[in-house]
């Protein structure tokens, strides 16, 4: 049976499980079984029958967008990784370095 890796942010829908087995011969079938057993995942993963735009899905490290999407074939033991997109970053932090004009040396100029 394929194994689905669940990201931390979605584990509340799988009872905290990081990996869940689900039946199916394609990613779509596996997702159907996964959602049947963990209904809270449905709206998180799919929109209008397609993978949500901010969710990346990999089968054995291959992006399904470059395979056959939800029709991508899986085998017993395949690993499906669900990866929510990450955006943003840290706010700019003030520098802790001294200004050049105050650098050591007589007169402080370079």
N, C-alpha and C. Protein backbone atom coordinates (compact mmCIF):
# COMPACT_ATOMS: atom_id res chain seq x y z
N UNK A 1 0.85 -1.18 0.00
CA UNK A 1 0.00 0.00 0.00
C UNK A 1 0.90 1.25 0.00
N UNK A 2 0.55 2.28 -0.77
CA UNK A 2 1.33 3.52 -0.74
C UNK A 2 1.28 4.18 0.64
N UNK A 3 2.33 4.92 0.94
CA UNK A 3 2.43 5.66 2.20
C UNK A 3 2.41 7.14 1.86
N UNK A 4 1.60 7.90 2.59
CA UNK A 4 1.49 9.35 2.38
C UNK A 4 2.17 10.05 3.55
N UNK A 5 3.13 10.90 3.23
CA UNK A 5 3.79 11.72 4.25
C UNK A 5 2.96 12.98 4.47
N UNK A 6 2.55 13.18 5.71
CA UNK A 6 1.67 14.29 6.07
C UNK A 6 2.51 15.41 6.69
N UNK A 7 2.42 16.63 6.16
CA UNK A 7 3.18 17.73 6.76
C UNK A 7 2.63 18.09 8.13
N UNK A 8 3.47 18.64 8.96
CA UNK A 8 3.09 18.98 10.34
C UNK A 8 1.80 19.78 10.40
N UNK A 9 1.63 20.74 9.52
CA UNK A 9 0.46 21.62 9.56
C UNK A 9 -0.85 20.86 9.32
N UNK A 10 -0.80 19.69 8.70
CA UNK A 10 -2.02 18.93 8.41
C UNK A 10 -2.22 17.72 9.34
N UNK A 11 -1.29 17.48 10.23
CA UNK A 11 -1.36 16.29 11.08
C UNK A 11 -2.52 16.32 12.06
N UNK A 12 -3.09 17.49 12.31
CA UNK A 12 -4.26 17.54 13.20
C UNK A 12 -5.42 16.75 12.59
N UNK A 13 -5.40 16.56 11.26
CA UNK A 13 -6.46 15.82 10.57
C UNK A 13 -6.18 14.32 10.53
N UNK A 14 -4.96 13.91 10.92
CA UNK A 14 -4.61 12.49 10.91
C UNK A 14 -4.29 11.98 12.31
N UNK A 15 -4.78 12.68 13.32
CA UNK A 15 -4.51 12.26 14.69
C UNK A 15 -3.04 12.36 15.06
N UNK A 16 -2.33 13.26 14.40
CA UNK A 16 -0.91 13.46 14.70
C UNK A 16 0.03 12.57 13.92
N UNK A 17 -0.51 11.69 13.09
CA UNK A 17 0.33 10.76 12.33
C UNK A 17 1.10 11.49 11.24
N UNK A 18 2.41 11.19 11.14
CA UNK A 18 3.27 11.79 10.11
C UNK A 18 3.22 11.01 8.81
N UNK A 19 2.93 9.71 8.90
CA UNK A 19 2.81 8.85 7.71
C UNK A 19 1.54 8.04 7.83
N UNK A 20 0.80 7.97 6.73
CA UNK A 20 -0.47 7.25 6.71
C UNK A 20 -0.52 6.38 5.46
N UNK A 21 -0.91 5.14 5.62
CA UNK A 21 -1.11 4.27 4.45
C UNK A 21 -2.48 4.54 3.86
N UNK A 22 -2.56 4.49 2.53
CA UNK A 22 -3.84 4.68 1.85
C UNK A 22 -3.82 3.82 0.59
N UNK A 23 -4.97 3.26 0.25
CA UNK A 23 -5.08 2.36 -0.89
C UNK A 23 -5.30 3.13 -2.18
N UNK A 24 -4.79 2.57 -3.27
CA UNK A 24 -5.04 3.15 -4.59
C UNK A 24 -3.90 2.89 -5.54
N UNK A 25 -4.22 2.96 -6.82
CA UNK A 25 -3.22 2.75 -7.87
C UNK A 25 -2.78 4.04 -8.52
N UNK A 26 -3.39 5.16 -8.12
CA UNK A 26 -3.00 6.47 -8.63
C UNK A 26 -3.03 7.45 -7.45
N UNK A 27 -2.42 8.60 -7.63
CA UNK A 27 -2.44 9.61 -6.58
C UNK A 27 -3.89 9.99 -6.25
N UNK A 28 -4.72 10.15 -7.26
CA UNK A 28 -6.12 10.50 -7.04
C UNK A 28 -6.86 9.46 -6.21
N UNK A 29 -6.63 8.18 -6.51
CA UNK A 29 -7.27 7.11 -5.74
C UNK A 29 -6.76 7.09 -4.31
N UNK A 30 -5.46 7.30 -4.14
CA UNK A 30 -4.88 7.34 -2.80
C UNK A 30 -5.47 8.52 -2.02
N UNK A 31 -5.57 9.68 -2.66
CA UNK A 31 -6.17 10.84 -1.99
C UNK A 31 -7.63 10.56 -1.62
N UNK A 32 -8.37 9.89 -2.49
CA UNK A 32 -9.78 9.55 -2.18
C UNK A 32 -9.86 8.69 -0.93
N UNK A 33 -8.99 7.68 -0.84
CA UNK A 33 -8.97 6.81 0.33
C UNK A 33 -8.51 7.58 1.56
N UNK A 34 -7.50 8.40 1.39
CA UNK A 34 -6.98 9.22 2.49
C UNK A 34 -8.07 10.14 3.05
N UNK A 35 -8.79 10.79 2.15
CA UNK A 35 -9.85 11.73 2.56
C UNK A 35 -11.04 10.98 3.17
N UNK A 36 -11.34 9.78 2.66
CA UNK A 36 -12.42 8.99 3.25
C UNK A 36 -12.12 8.63 4.70
N UNK A 37 -10.84 8.39 5.00
CA UNK A 37 -10.44 8.03 6.35
C UNK A 37 -10.09 9.23 7.23
N UNK A 38 -9.81 10.36 6.59
CA UNK A 38 -9.43 11.59 7.30
C UNK A 38 -10.12 12.76 6.61
N UNK A 39 -11.44 12.91 6.80
CA UNK A 39 -12.23 13.89 6.04
C UNK A 39 -11.73 15.32 6.12
N UNK A 40 -11.09 15.71 7.19
CA UNK A 40 -10.60 17.07 7.32
C UNK A 40 -9.55 17.44 6.28
N UNK A 41 -8.94 16.45 5.66
CA UNK A 41 -7.92 16.72 4.65
C UNK A 41 -8.50 17.14 3.31
N UNK A 42 -9.76 16.81 3.05
CA UNK A 42 -10.36 17.08 1.75
C UNK A 42 -10.21 18.51 1.28
N UNK A 43 -10.69 19.45 2.08
CA UNK A 43 -10.63 20.87 1.69
C UNK A 43 -9.21 21.41 1.72
N UNK A 44 -8.33 20.75 2.46
CA UNK A 44 -6.95 21.21 2.54
C UNK A 44 -6.14 20.82 1.30
N UNK A 45 -6.50 19.69 0.69
CA UNK A 45 -5.72 19.16 -0.43
C UNK A 45 -6.30 19.48 -1.80
N UNK A 46 -7.63 19.44 -1.91
CA UNK A 46 -8.26 19.54 -3.22
C UNK A 46 -9.22 20.71 -3.31
N UNK A 47 -9.33 21.24 -4.52
CA UNK A 47 -10.29 22.29 -4.82
C UNK A 47 -10.83 22.00 -6.22
N UNK A 48 -12.14 21.83 -6.32
CA UNK A 48 -12.78 21.49 -7.60
C UNK A 48 -12.15 20.25 -8.23
N UNK A 49 -11.81 19.27 -7.40
CA UNK A 49 -11.28 18.01 -7.90
C UNK A 49 -9.82 18.04 -8.31
N UNK A 50 -9.13 19.14 -8.09
CA UNK A 50 -7.70 19.26 -8.44
C UNK A 50 -6.91 19.61 -7.19
N UNK A 51 -5.61 19.30 -7.23
CA UNK A 51 -4.74 19.66 -6.11
C UNK A 51 -4.70 21.18 -5.99
N UNK A 52 -4.89 21.67 -4.77
CA UNK A 52 -4.84 23.13 -4.55
C UNK A 52 -3.51 23.69 -5.04
N UNK A 53 -3.55 24.93 -5.50
CA UNK A 53 -2.38 25.56 -6.08
C UNK A 53 -1.19 25.69 -5.15
N UNK A 54 -1.44 25.80 -3.85
CA UNK A 54 -0.34 25.99 -2.91
C UNK A 54 0.16 24.68 -2.31
N UNK A 55 -0.32 23.56 -2.85
CA UNK A 55 0.11 22.25 -2.38
C UNK A 55 0.94 21.59 -3.48
N UNK A 56 2.11 21.11 -3.12
CA UNK A 56 2.95 20.34 -4.04
C UNK A 56 2.89 18.88 -3.62
N UNK A 57 2.80 17.99 -4.60
CA UNK A 57 2.70 16.57 -4.31
C UNK A 57 3.78 15.84 -5.09
N UNK A 58 4.48 14.96 -4.40
CA UNK A 58 5.58 14.20 -5.01
C UNK A 58 5.33 12.71 -4.81
N UNK A 59 5.59 11.93 -5.86
CA UNK A 59 5.56 10.48 -5.77
C UNK A 59 6.99 10.01 -5.92
N UNK A 60 7.51 9.40 -4.88
CA UNK A 60 8.91 8.94 -4.89
C UNK A 60 9.84 10.03 -5.41
N UNK A 61 9.68 11.23 -4.87
CA UNK A 61 10.50 12.42 -5.17
C UNK A 61 10.27 13.02 -6.55
N UNK A 62 9.24 12.60 -7.27
CA UNK A 62 8.90 13.17 -8.58
C UNK A 62 7.64 14.03 -8.44
N UNK A 63 7.71 15.27 -8.87
CA UNK A 63 6.59 16.21 -8.81
C UNK A 63 5.48 15.73 -9.74
N UNK A 64 4.26 15.54 -9.22
CA UNK A 64 3.18 15.01 -10.06
C UNK A 64 2.77 15.98 -11.16
N UNK A 65 3.14 17.26 -11.03
CA UNK A 65 2.83 18.22 -12.10
C UNK A 65 3.57 17.85 -13.38
N UNK A 66 4.70 17.15 -13.24
CA UNK A 66 5.49 16.75 -14.40
C UNK A 66 5.27 15.29 -14.76
N UNK A 67 4.37 14.65 -14.05
CA UNK A 67 3.96 13.28 -14.37
C UNK A 67 2.57 13.37 -14.97
N UNK A 68 1.60 12.71 -14.36
CA UNK A 68 0.22 12.73 -14.85
C UNK A 68 -0.75 13.32 -13.83
N UNK A 69 -0.28 14.25 -13.00
CA UNK A 69 -1.15 14.86 -12.01
C UNK A 69 -1.76 13.82 -11.10
N UNK A 70 -3.04 13.95 -10.81
CA UNK A 70 -3.73 13.00 -9.94
C UNK A 70 -3.82 11.61 -10.56
N UNK A 71 -3.61 11.50 -11.86
CA UNK A 71 -3.60 10.19 -12.53
C UNK A 71 -2.24 9.51 -12.45
N UNK A 72 -1.26 10.15 -11.83
CA UNK A 72 0.07 9.55 -11.70
C UNK A 72 -0.04 8.22 -10.97
N UNK A 73 0.58 7.20 -11.53
CA UNK A 73 0.51 5.85 -10.98
C UNK A 73 1.37 5.72 -9.73
N UNK A 74 0.90 4.94 -8.79
CA UNK A 74 1.65 4.60 -7.59
C UNK A 74 1.62 3.09 -7.42
N UNK A 75 2.61 2.59 -6.71
CA UNK A 75 2.72 1.15 -6.47
C UNK A 75 2.74 0.89 -4.98
N UNK A 76 2.62 -0.37 -4.63
CA UNK A 76 2.76 -0.77 -3.24
C UNK A 76 4.13 -0.31 -2.76
N UNK A 77 4.16 0.44 -1.68
CA UNK A 77 5.43 0.94 -1.15
C UNK A 77 5.83 2.31 -1.67
N UNK A 78 5.09 2.84 -2.65
CA UNK A 78 5.39 4.20 -3.12
C UNK A 78 5.19 5.18 -1.96
N UNK A 79 5.99 6.24 -1.98
CA UNK A 79 5.83 7.28 -0.97
C UNK A 79 5.32 8.54 -1.64
N UNK A 80 4.20 9.04 -1.13
CA UNK A 80 3.61 10.28 -1.63
C UNK A 80 3.86 11.35 -0.57
N UNK A 81 4.52 12.41 -0.97
CA UNK A 81 4.81 13.51 -0.04
C UNK A 81 3.93 14.70 -0.38
N UNK A 82 3.24 15.21 0.62
CA UNK A 82 2.43 16.42 0.48
C UNK A 82 3.25 17.57 1.07
N UNK A 83 3.48 18.59 0.25
CA UNK A 83 4.33 19.70 0.67
C UNK A 83 3.60 21.02 0.44
N UNK A 84 3.10 21.66 1.50
CA UNK A 84 2.51 22.98 1.32
C UNK A 84 3.59 23.97 0.88
N UNK A 85 3.23 24.87 0.00
CA UNK A 85 4.18 25.89 -0.45
C UNK A 85 4.51 26.80 0.73
N UNK A 86 5.73 27.28 0.75
CA UNK A 86 6.19 28.18 1.80
C UNK A 86 6.59 29.49 1.15
N UNK A 87 6.15 30.59 1.73
CA UNK A 87 6.50 31.91 1.19
C UNK A 87 6.83 32.83 2.34
N UNK A 88 7.44 33.93 1.98
CA UNK A 88 7.74 34.94 3.00
C UNK A 88 9.16 34.83 3.48
N UNK A 89 9.43 35.45 4.59
CA UNK A 89 10.78 35.44 5.15
C UNK A 89 10.82 36.31 6.37
N UNK A 90 11.98 36.48 6.88
CA UNK A 90 12.16 37.29 8.09
C UNK A 90 12.19 38.76 7.73
N UNK A 91 11.74 39.57 8.67
CA UNK A 91 11.82 41.02 8.47
C UNK A 91 13.29 41.42 8.52
N UNK A 92 13.62 42.51 7.85
CA UNK A 92 14.99 43.01 7.88
C UNK A 92 15.34 43.39 9.31
N UNK A 93 16.51 42.99 9.73
CA UNK A 93 16.98 43.30 11.08
C UNK A 93 18.01 44.42 11.01
N UNK A 94 18.01 45.32 11.97
CA UNK A 94 19.03 46.37 11.96
C UNK A 94 20.41 45.76 12.13
N UNK A 95 21.37 46.32 11.46
CA UNK A 95 22.74 45.83 11.52
C UNK A 95 23.33 46.09 12.90
N UNK A 96 24.11 45.14 13.36
CA UNK A 96 24.81 45.33 14.63
C UNK A 96 26.25 45.78 14.41
N UNK A 97 26.63 45.97 13.13
CA UNK A 97 27.98 46.43 12.80
C UNK A 97 28.07 47.93 12.98
N UNK A 98 29.25 48.40 13.28
CA UNK A 98 29.47 49.83 13.43
C UNK A 98 29.55 50.48 12.06
N UNK A 99 29.13 51.69 11.98
CA UNK A 99 29.21 52.44 10.73
C UNK A 99 30.68 52.63 10.36
N UNK A 100 30.98 52.69 9.06
CA UNK A 100 32.36 52.83 8.60
C UNK A 100 33.05 54.05 9.19
N UNK A 101 32.34 55.15 9.30
CA UNK A 101 32.94 56.37 9.82
C UNK A 101 33.43 56.23 11.25
N UNK A 102 32.92 55.27 11.99
CA UNK A 102 33.35 55.11 13.37
C UNK A 102 34.34 53.98 13.53
N UNK A 103 34.80 53.42 12.39
CA UNK A 103 35.79 52.35 12.45
C UNK A 103 37.08 52.90 13.04
N UNK A 104 37.84 52.06 13.69
CA UNK A 104 39.06 52.47 14.39
C UNK A 104 40.03 53.27 13.52
N UNK A 105 41.07 53.76 14.11
CA UNK A 105 42.07 54.55 13.41
C UNK A 105 41.89 56.02 13.71
N UNK A 106 42.95 56.76 13.57
CA UNK A 106 42.91 58.20 13.85
C UNK A 106 41.98 58.91 12.90
N UNK A 107 41.14 59.73 13.40
CA UNK A 107 40.24 60.51 12.58
C UNK A 107 39.02 59.74 12.13
N UNK A 108 39.04 58.40 12.22
CA UNK A 108 37.88 57.59 11.88
C UNK A 108 37.52 57.57 10.42
N UNK A 109 38.35 58.06 9.52
CA UNK A 109 38.00 58.01 8.10
C UNK A 109 38.83 56.95 7.41
N UNK A 110 38.31 56.47 6.32
CA UNK A 110 38.99 55.42 5.57
C UNK A 110 39.55 55.98 4.30
